[in-house]
Amino acid sequence: MSTIKNERNRQFPSKISTTSFVKLYILHLLKDRSYYGNEIIDEIKSRLDGKWEPSPGMIYPLLRELESNGHIKGWWQEPDKRSIRHYKLTDEGYSHYNTIKLLYKPIFEDSLIIIKNTLSDIYNKKI
């Protein structure tokens, strides 16, 4: 596990906030195709085997933030009704995605080691 300025890391098990995790996942999904908000929630839930899902109260503000930062572009399916807003990744968003993906990888790897060792030590389960 990494340390900063020789200080012990007291946060468990990861230094990635839920918000940062969800932003990364949104960008990851949008790199392959467009989605609308509820599809993003459902896709994250599915990919995490139903063990966790972000709330609409988290997804929609993050989509607005990512759009205002130029990382994604949104459009209304039916502009007159303004009911379903689709999003796609911009070139700037793709660059940002690649940057944070590299930045977060060692943190996810550290978290995986912690979880694997805990399951092995306490529950005698090898992964």
N, C-alpha and C. Protein backbone atom coordinates (compact mmCIF):
# COMPACT_ATOMS: atom_id res chain seq x y z
N MET A 1 0.85 -1.17 0.00
CA MET A 1 0.00 0.00 0.00
C MET A 1 0.89 1.23 0.00
N SER A 2 0.53 2.21 -0.77
CA SER A 2 1.37 3.39 -0.90
C SER A 2 1.21 4.31 0.29
N THR A 3 2.25 5.06 0.53
CA THR A 3 2.22 6.08 1.58
C THR A 3 2.63 7.40 0.97
N ILE A 4 2.19 8.47 1.57
CA ILE A 4 2.54 9.80 1.13
C ILE A 4 3.29 10.47 2.27
N LYS A 5 4.48 11.00 1.97
CA LYS A 5 5.31 11.69 2.97
C LYS A 5 5.53 10.83 4.21
N ASN A 6 5.74 9.54 4.01
CA ASN A 6 6.00 8.60 5.09
C ASN A 6 4.88 8.54 6.13
N GLU A 7 3.68 8.92 5.74
CA GLU A 7 2.54 8.83 6.64
C GLU A 7 1.80 7.54 6.34
N ARG A 8 1.29 6.92 7.38
CA ARG A 8 0.52 5.70 7.18
C ARG A 8 -0.84 6.04 6.61
N ASN A 9 -1.31 5.16 5.74
CA ASN A 9 -2.64 5.33 5.18
C ASN A 9 -3.64 4.69 6.14
N ARG A 10 -4.49 5.50 6.73
CA ARG A 10 -5.45 5.00 7.71
C ARG A 10 -6.84 4.79 7.10
N GLN A 11 -7.00 5.12 5.84
CA GLN A 11 -8.28 4.93 5.18
C GLN A 11 -8.38 3.50 4.66
N PHE A 12 -9.54 2.88 4.85
CA PHE A 12 -9.72 1.49 4.44
C PHE A 12 -10.95 1.37 3.57
N PRO A 13 -10.94 0.54 2.55
CA PRO A 13 -9.79 -0.11 1.95
C PRO A 13 -9.23 0.66 0.76
N SER A 14 -9.84 1.77 0.40
CA SER A 14 -9.43 2.45 -0.82
C SER A 14 -9.42 3.95 -0.61
N LYS A 15 -8.59 4.62 -1.37
CA LYS A 15 -8.54 6.07 -1.31
C LYS A 15 -9.40 6.70 -2.38
N ILE A 16 -10.16 5.92 -3.10
CA ILE A 16 -11.04 6.44 -4.13
C ILE A 16 -12.42 6.66 -3.54
N SER A 17 -12.92 7.87 -3.65
CA SER A 17 -14.26 8.15 -3.14
C SER A 17 -15.29 7.49 -4.04
N THR A 18 -16.47 7.32 -3.51
CA THR A 18 -17.56 6.75 -4.30
C THR A 18 -17.83 7.63 -5.52
N THR A 19 -17.80 8.92 -5.33
CA THR A 19 -18.03 9.86 -6.43
C THR A 19 -17.00 9.68 -7.53
N SER A 20 -15.73 9.58 -7.17
CA SER A 20 -14.67 9.38 -8.15
C SER A 20 -14.82 8.04 -8.87
N PHE A 21 -15.19 7.02 -8.12
CA PHE A 21 -15.41 5.70 -8.70
C PHE A 21 -16.52 5.75 -9.75
N VAL A 22 -17.63 6.40 -9.41
CA VAL A 22 -18.77 6.46 -10.32
C VAL A 22 -18.43 7.31 -11.54
N LYS A 23 -17.70 8.41 -11.37
CA LYS A 23 -17.28 9.20 -12.53
C LYS A 23 -16.44 8.36 -13.48
N LEU A 24 -15.50 7.59 -12.93
CA LEU A 24 -14.67 6.72 -13.75
C LEU A 24 -15.53 5.72 -14.50
N TYR A 25 -16.51 5.13 -13.81
CA TYR A 25 -17.36 4.13 -14.46
C TYR A 25 -18.24 4.76 -15.54
N ILE A 26 -18.74 5.96 -15.29
CA ILE A 26 -19.55 6.65 -16.31
C ILE A 26 -18.71 6.85 -17.57
N LEU A 27 -17.51 7.38 -17.40
CA LEU A 27 -16.63 7.62 -18.55
C LEU A 27 -16.29 6.31 -19.25
N HIS A 28 -16.06 5.27 -18.46
CA HIS A 28 -15.74 3.95 -19.03
C HIS A 28 -16.89 3.45 -19.91
N LEU A 29 -18.11 3.56 -19.42
CA LEU A 29 -19.26 3.10 -20.19
C LEU A 29 -19.44 3.93 -21.46
N LEU A 30 -19.29 5.24 -21.33
CA LEU A 30 -19.55 6.13 -22.46
C LEU A 30 -18.46 6.07 -23.54
N LYS A 31 -17.36 5.41 -23.26
CA LYS A 31 -16.32 5.29 -24.29
C LYS A 31 -16.75 4.35 -25.41
N ASP A 32 -17.69 3.46 -25.11
CA ASP A 32 -18.13 2.46 -26.10
C ASP A 32 -19.42 2.83 -26.82
N ARG A 33 -20.32 3.54 -26.14
CA ARG A 33 -21.59 3.91 -26.77
C ARG A 33 -22.27 4.97 -25.92
N SER A 34 -23.37 5.51 -26.43
CA SER A 34 -24.13 6.49 -25.66
C SER A 34 -25.07 5.77 -24.69
N TYR A 35 -25.35 6.43 -23.59
CA TYR A 35 -26.28 5.94 -22.58
C TYR A 35 -27.10 7.12 -22.07
N TYR A 36 -28.23 6.82 -21.45
CA TYR A 36 -28.93 7.83 -20.66
C TYR A 36 -28.80 7.44 -19.19
N GLY A 37 -29.17 8.32 -18.30
CA GLY A 37 -28.89 8.15 -16.87
C GLY A 37 -29.31 6.83 -16.27
N ASN A 38 -30.58 6.44 -16.45
CA ASN A 38 -31.03 5.19 -15.86
C ASN A 38 -30.33 3.97 -16.46
N GLU A 39 -29.96 4.06 -17.73
CA GLU A 39 -29.19 2.96 -18.34
C GLU A 39 -27.83 2.83 -17.67
N ILE A 40 -27.23 3.96 -17.33
CA ILE A 40 -25.92 3.93 -16.65
C ILE A 40 -26.06 3.26 -15.29
N ILE A 41 -27.08 3.62 -14.55
CA ILE A 41 -27.32 3.00 -13.24
C ILE A 41 -27.49 1.49 -13.41
N ASP A 42 -28.34 1.10 -14.34
CA ASP A 42 -28.60 -0.34 -14.56
C ASP A 42 -27.35 -1.08 -15.02
N GLU A 43 -26.56 -0.45 -15.87
CA GLU A 43 -25.34 -1.10 -16.39
C GLU A 43 -24.30 -1.28 -15.29
N ILE A 44 -24.11 -0.26 -14.46
CA ILE A 44 -23.16 -0.39 -13.34
C ILE A 44 -23.63 -1.49 -12.39
N LYS A 45 -24.92 -1.49 -12.06
CA LYS A 45 -25.47 -2.53 -11.18
C LYS A 45 -25.24 -3.92 -11.77
N SER A 46 -25.49 -4.07 -13.06
CA SER A 46 -25.30 -5.35 -13.72
C SER A 46 -23.84 -5.79 -13.69
N ARG A 47 -22.95 -4.86 -14.01
CA ARG A 47 -21.53 -5.20 -14.05
C ARG A 47 -20.96 -5.50 -12.67
N LEU A 48 -21.61 -5.01 -11.63
CA LEU A 48 -21.18 -5.30 -10.26
C LEU A 48 -22.04 -6.40 -9.64
N ASP A 49 -22.65 -7.23 -10.50
CA ASP A 49 -23.45 -8.39 -10.09
C ASP A 49 -24.54 -8.05 -9.08
N GLY A 50 -25.10 -6.85 -9.19
CA GLY A 50 -26.19 -6.46 -8.31
C GLY A 50 -25.79 -6.18 -6.88
N LYS A 51 -24.50 -6.14 -6.60
CA LYS A 51 -24.02 -5.94 -5.22
C LYS A 51 -24.06 -4.47 -4.80
N TRP A 52 -24.09 -3.58 -5.78
CA TRP A 52 -24.12 -2.14 -5.49
C TRP A 52 -24.60 -1.41 -6.74
N GLU A 53 -25.26 -0.28 -6.53
CA GLU A 53 -25.65 0.57 -7.65
C GLU A 53 -25.65 2.02 -7.20
N PRO A 54 -25.25 2.92 -8.07
CA PRO A 54 -25.32 4.33 -7.71
C PRO A 54 -26.77 4.81 -7.75
N SER A 55 -27.06 5.78 -6.95
CA SER A 55 -28.42 6.32 -6.91
C SER A 55 -28.60 7.37 -8.01
N PRO A 56 -29.84 7.62 -8.41
CA PRO A 56 -30.09 8.71 -9.36
C PRO A 56 -29.58 10.05 -8.82
N GLY A 57 -29.68 10.22 -7.50
CA GLY A 57 -29.20 11.45 -6.87
C GLY A 57 -27.69 11.63 -6.98
N MET A 58 -26.98 10.57 -7.30
CA MET A 58 -25.55 10.67 -7.55
C MET A 58 -25.28 10.79 -9.04
N ILE A 59 -25.93 9.96 -9.84
CA ILE A 59 -25.65 9.90 -11.28
C ILE A 59 -25.95 11.22 -11.99
N TYR A 60 -27.14 11.76 -11.77
CA TYR A 60 -27.54 12.93 -12.57
C TYR A 60 -26.70 14.18 -12.29
N PRO A 61 -26.36 14.48 -11.04
CA PRO A 61 -25.44 15.61 -10.83
C PRO A 61 -24.06 15.37 -11.45
N LEU A 62 -23.58 14.12 -11.41
CA LEU A 62 -22.29 13.81 -12.02
C LEU A 62 -22.35 13.96 -13.54
N LEU A 63 -23.44 13.55 -14.14
CA LEU A 63 -23.59 13.73 -15.59
C LEU A 63 -23.58 15.22 -15.94
N ARG A 64 -24.28 16.03 -15.15
CA ARG A 64 -24.28 17.48 -15.41
C ARG A 64 -22.88 18.07 -15.24
N GLU A 65 -22.16 17.61 -14.21
CA GLU A 65 -20.79 18.09 -13.97
C GLU A 65 -19.86 17.68 -15.11
N LEU A 66 -19.93 16.41 -15.51
CA LEU A 66 -19.08 15.94 -16.60
C LEU A 66 -19.39 16.68 -17.90
N GLU A 67 -20.66 16.99 -18.10
CA GLU A 67 -21.05 17.73 -19.31
C GLU A 67 -20.55 19.17 -19.23
N SER A 68 -20.68 19.81 -18.08
CA SER A 68 -20.22 21.20 -17.96
C SER A 68 -18.70 21.30 -18.07
N ASN A 69 -17.99 20.22 -17.73
CA ASN A 69 -16.52 20.20 -17.86
C ASN A 69 -16.07 19.81 -19.26
N GLY A 70 -17.01 19.50 -20.14
CA GLY A 70 -16.68 19.16 -21.51
C GLY A 70 -16.23 17.72 -21.71
N HIS A 71 -16.42 16.87 -20.69
CA HIS A 71 -16.00 15.47 -20.80
C HIS A 71 -17.03 14.60 -21.51
N ILE A 72 -18.29 15.03 -21.44
CA ILE A 72 -19.35 14.32 -22.14
C ILE A 72 -20.25 15.35 -22.83
N LYS A 73 -21.00 14.87 -23.80
CA LYS A 73 -21.96 15.72 -24.51
C LYS A 73 -23.32 15.05 -24.43
N GLY A 74 -24.34 15.85 -24.07
CA GLY A 74 -25.68 15.31 -23.93
C GLY A 74 -26.64 15.88 -24.96
N TRP A 75 -27.69 15.11 -25.26
CA TRP A 75 -28.75 15.58 -26.15
C TRP A 75 -30.05 14.90 -25.75
N TRP A 76 -31.15 15.58 -26.00
CA TRP A 76 -32.46 15.06 -25.67
C TRP A 76 -32.95 14.14 -26.77
N GLN A 77 -33.49 12.99 -26.39
CA GLN A 77 -34.07 12.05 -27.36
C GLN A 77 -35.24 12.71 -28.08
N GLU A 78 -36.08 13.39 -27.32
CA GLU A 78 -37.19 14.16 -27.87
C GLU A 78 -37.09 15.57 -27.29
N PRO A 79 -36.44 16.49 -28.01
CA PRO A 79 -36.17 17.82 -27.47
C PRO A 79 -37.41 18.55 -26.93
N ASP A 80 -38.57 18.32 -27.52
CA ASP A 80 -39.78 18.99 -27.04
C ASP A 80 -40.23 18.48 -25.67
N LYS A 81 -40.04 17.20 -25.42
CA LYS A 81 -40.45 16.59 -24.15
C LYS A 81 -39.37 16.69 -23.08
N ARG A 82 -38.10 16.70 -23.50
CA ARG A 82 -36.96 16.75 -22.57
C ARG A 82 -37.06 15.70 -21.46
N SER A 83 -37.37 14.47 -21.85
CA SER A 83 -37.55 13.42 -20.85
C SER A 83 -36.35 12.48 -20.76
N ILE A 84 -35.71 12.17 -21.88
CA ILE A 84 -34.56 11.24 -21.85
C ILE A 84 -33.37 11.95 -22.50
N ARG A 85 -32.31 12.12 -21.69
CA ARG A 85 -31.10 12.78 -22.17
C ARG A 85 -30.00 11.74 -22.34
N HIS A 86 -29.53 11.60 -23.55
CA HIS A 86 -28.43 10.67 -23.86
C HIS A 86 -27.11 11.40 -23.75
N TYR A 87 -26.06 10.64 -23.47
CA TYR A 87 -24.72 11.21 -23.32
C TYR A 87 -23.72 10.38 -24.10
N LYS A 88 -22.68 11.06 -24.58
CA LYS A 88 -21.56 10.37 -25.21
C LYS A 88 -20.27 11.05 -24.75
N LEU A 89 -19.19 10.32 -24.85
CA LEU A 89 -17.88 10.81 -24.44
C LEU A 89 -17.31 11.74 -25.52
N THR A 90 -16.71 12.84 -25.07
CA THR A 90 -16.04 13.74 -26.00
C THR A 90 -14.57 13.33 -26.10
N ASP A 91 -13.84 13.93 -27.03
CA ASP A 91 -12.40 13.66 -27.14
C ASP A 91 -11.70 14.07 -25.85
N GLU A 92 -12.08 15.21 -25.30
CA GLU A 92 -11.49 15.66 -24.03
C GLU A 92 -11.83 14.68 -22.90
N GLY A 93 -13.05 14.17 -22.93
CA GLY A 93 -13.48 13.19 -21.93
C GLY A 93 -12.70 11.89 -22.04
N TYR A 94 -12.40 11.48 -23.27
CA TYR A 94 -11.63 10.25 -23.47
C TYR A 94 -10.22 10.41 -22.92
N SER A 95 -9.64 11.57 -23.15
CA SER A 95 -8.31 11.85 -22.61
C SER A 95 -8.34 11.86 -21.07
N HIS A 96 -9.36 12.49 -20.51
CA HIS A 96 -9.51 12.53 -19.04
C HIS A 96 -9.72 11.12 -18.49
N TYR A 97 -10.53 10.33 -19.17
CA TYR A 97 -10.77 8.94 -18.76
C TYR A 97 -9.45 8.16 -18.69
N ASN A 98 -8.65 8.26 -19.74
CA ASN A 98 -7.37 7.54 -19.75
C ASN A 98 -6.45 8.00 -18.64
N THR A 99 -6.46 9.27 -18.32
CA THR A 99 -5.62 9.81 -17.24
C THR A 99 -6.05 9.25 -15.89
N ILE A 100 -7.34 9.35 -15.57
CA ILE A 100 -7.77 8.89 -14.25
C ILE A 100 -7.76 7.37 -14.14
N LYS A 101 -7.95 6.69 -15.27
CA LYS A 101 -7.86 5.22 -15.26
C LYS A 101 -6.45 4.79 -14.81
N LEU A 102 -5.44 5.42 -15.36
CA LEU A 102 -4.06 5.11 -14.95
C LEU A 102 -3.79 5.53 -13.51
N LEU A 103 -4.34 6.66 -13.11
CA LEU A 103 -4.13 7.17 -11.75
C LEU A 103 -4.75 6.25 -10.70
N TYR A 104 -5.93 5.70 -10.99
CA TYR A 104 -6.65 4.89 -10.01
C TYR A 104 -6.23 3.43 -9.98
N LYS A 105 -5.58 2.95 -11.03
CA LYS A 105 -5.26 1.52 -11.10
C LYS A 105 -4.47 1.02 -9.89
N PRO A 106 -3.39 1.69 -9.47
CA PRO A 106 -2.67 1.17 -8.29
C PRO A 106 -3.51 1.19 -7.01
N ILE A 107 -4.44 2.11 -6.93
CA ILE A 107 -5.30 2.16 -5.75
C ILE A 107 -6.25 0.97 -5.74
N PHE A 108 -6.82 0.64 -6.90
CA PHE A 108 -7.67 -0.55 -7.00
C PHE A 108 -6.87 -1.82 -6.71
N GLU A 109 -5.65 -1.87 -7.21
CA GLU A 109 -4.80 -3.05 -6.96
C GLU A 109 -4.50 -3.20 -5.48
N ASP A 110 -4.20 -2.08 -4.79
CA ASP A 110 -3.98 -2.13 -3.34
C ASP A 110 -5.22 -2.64 -2.62
N SER A 111 -6.39 -2.14 -3.03
CA SER A 111 -7.65 -2.57 -2.41
C SER A 111 -7.88 -4.06 -2.62
N LEU A 112 -7.57 -4.55 -3.82
CA LEU A 112 -7.74 -5.97 -4.11
C LEU A 112 -6.84 -6.83 -3.22
N ILE A 113 -5.62 -6.40 -3.03
CA ILE A 113 -4.70 -7.14 -2.15
C ILE A 113 -5.26 -7.20 -0.74
N ILE A 114 -5.77 -6.08 -0.25
CA ILE A 114 -6.35 -6.04 1.10
C ILE A 114 -7.51 -7.02 1.22
N ILE A 115 -8.42 -7.00 0.25
CA ILE A 115 -9.59 -7.88 0.28
C ILE A 115 -9.17 -9.34 0.16
N LYS A 116 -8.28 -9.65 -0.79
CA LYS A 116 -7.84 -11.03 -0.96
C LYS A 116 -7.16 -11.56 0.31
N ASN A 117 -6.30 -10.77 0.90
CA ASN A 117 -5.59 -11.22 2.10
C ASN A 117 -6.54 -11.36 3.29
N THR A 118 -7.52 -10.49 3.39
CA THR A 118 -8.50 -10.59 4.47
C THR A 118 -9.33 -11.86 4.31
N LEU A 119 -9.81 -12.14 3.10
CA LEU A 119 -10.58 -13.36 2.86
C LEU A 119 -9.74 -14.60 3.15
N SER A 120 -8.48 -14.55 2.78
CA SER A 120 -7.60 -15.69 3.02
C SER A 120 -7.31 -15.87 4.50
N ASP A 121 -6.94 -14.80 5.19
CA ASP A 121 -6.54 -14.88 6.60
C ASP A 121 -7.72 -15.20 7.52
N ILE A 122 -8.79 -14.50 7.35
CA ILE A 122 -9.90 -14.61 8.29
C ILE A 122 -10.88 -15.72 7.90
N TYR A 123 -11.13 -15.87 6.60
CA TYR A 123 -12.15 -16.80 6.15
C TYR A 123 -11.61 -18.04 5.47
N ASN A 124 -10.28 -18.14 5.42
CA ASN A 124 -9.63 -19.30 4.82
C ASN A 124 -10.07 -19.50 3.36
N LYS A 125 -10.35 -18.42 2.67
CA LYS A 125 -10.82 -18.49 1.30
C LYS A 125 -9.76 -17.93 0.37
N LYS A 126 -9.30 -18.75 -0.55
CA LYS A 126 -8.30 -18.33 -1.54
C LYS A 126 -8.98 -17.81 -2.78
N ILE A 127 -8.51 -16.69 -3.25
CA ILE A 127 -9.06 -16.10 -4.49
C ILE A 127 -7.93 -15.92 -5.49
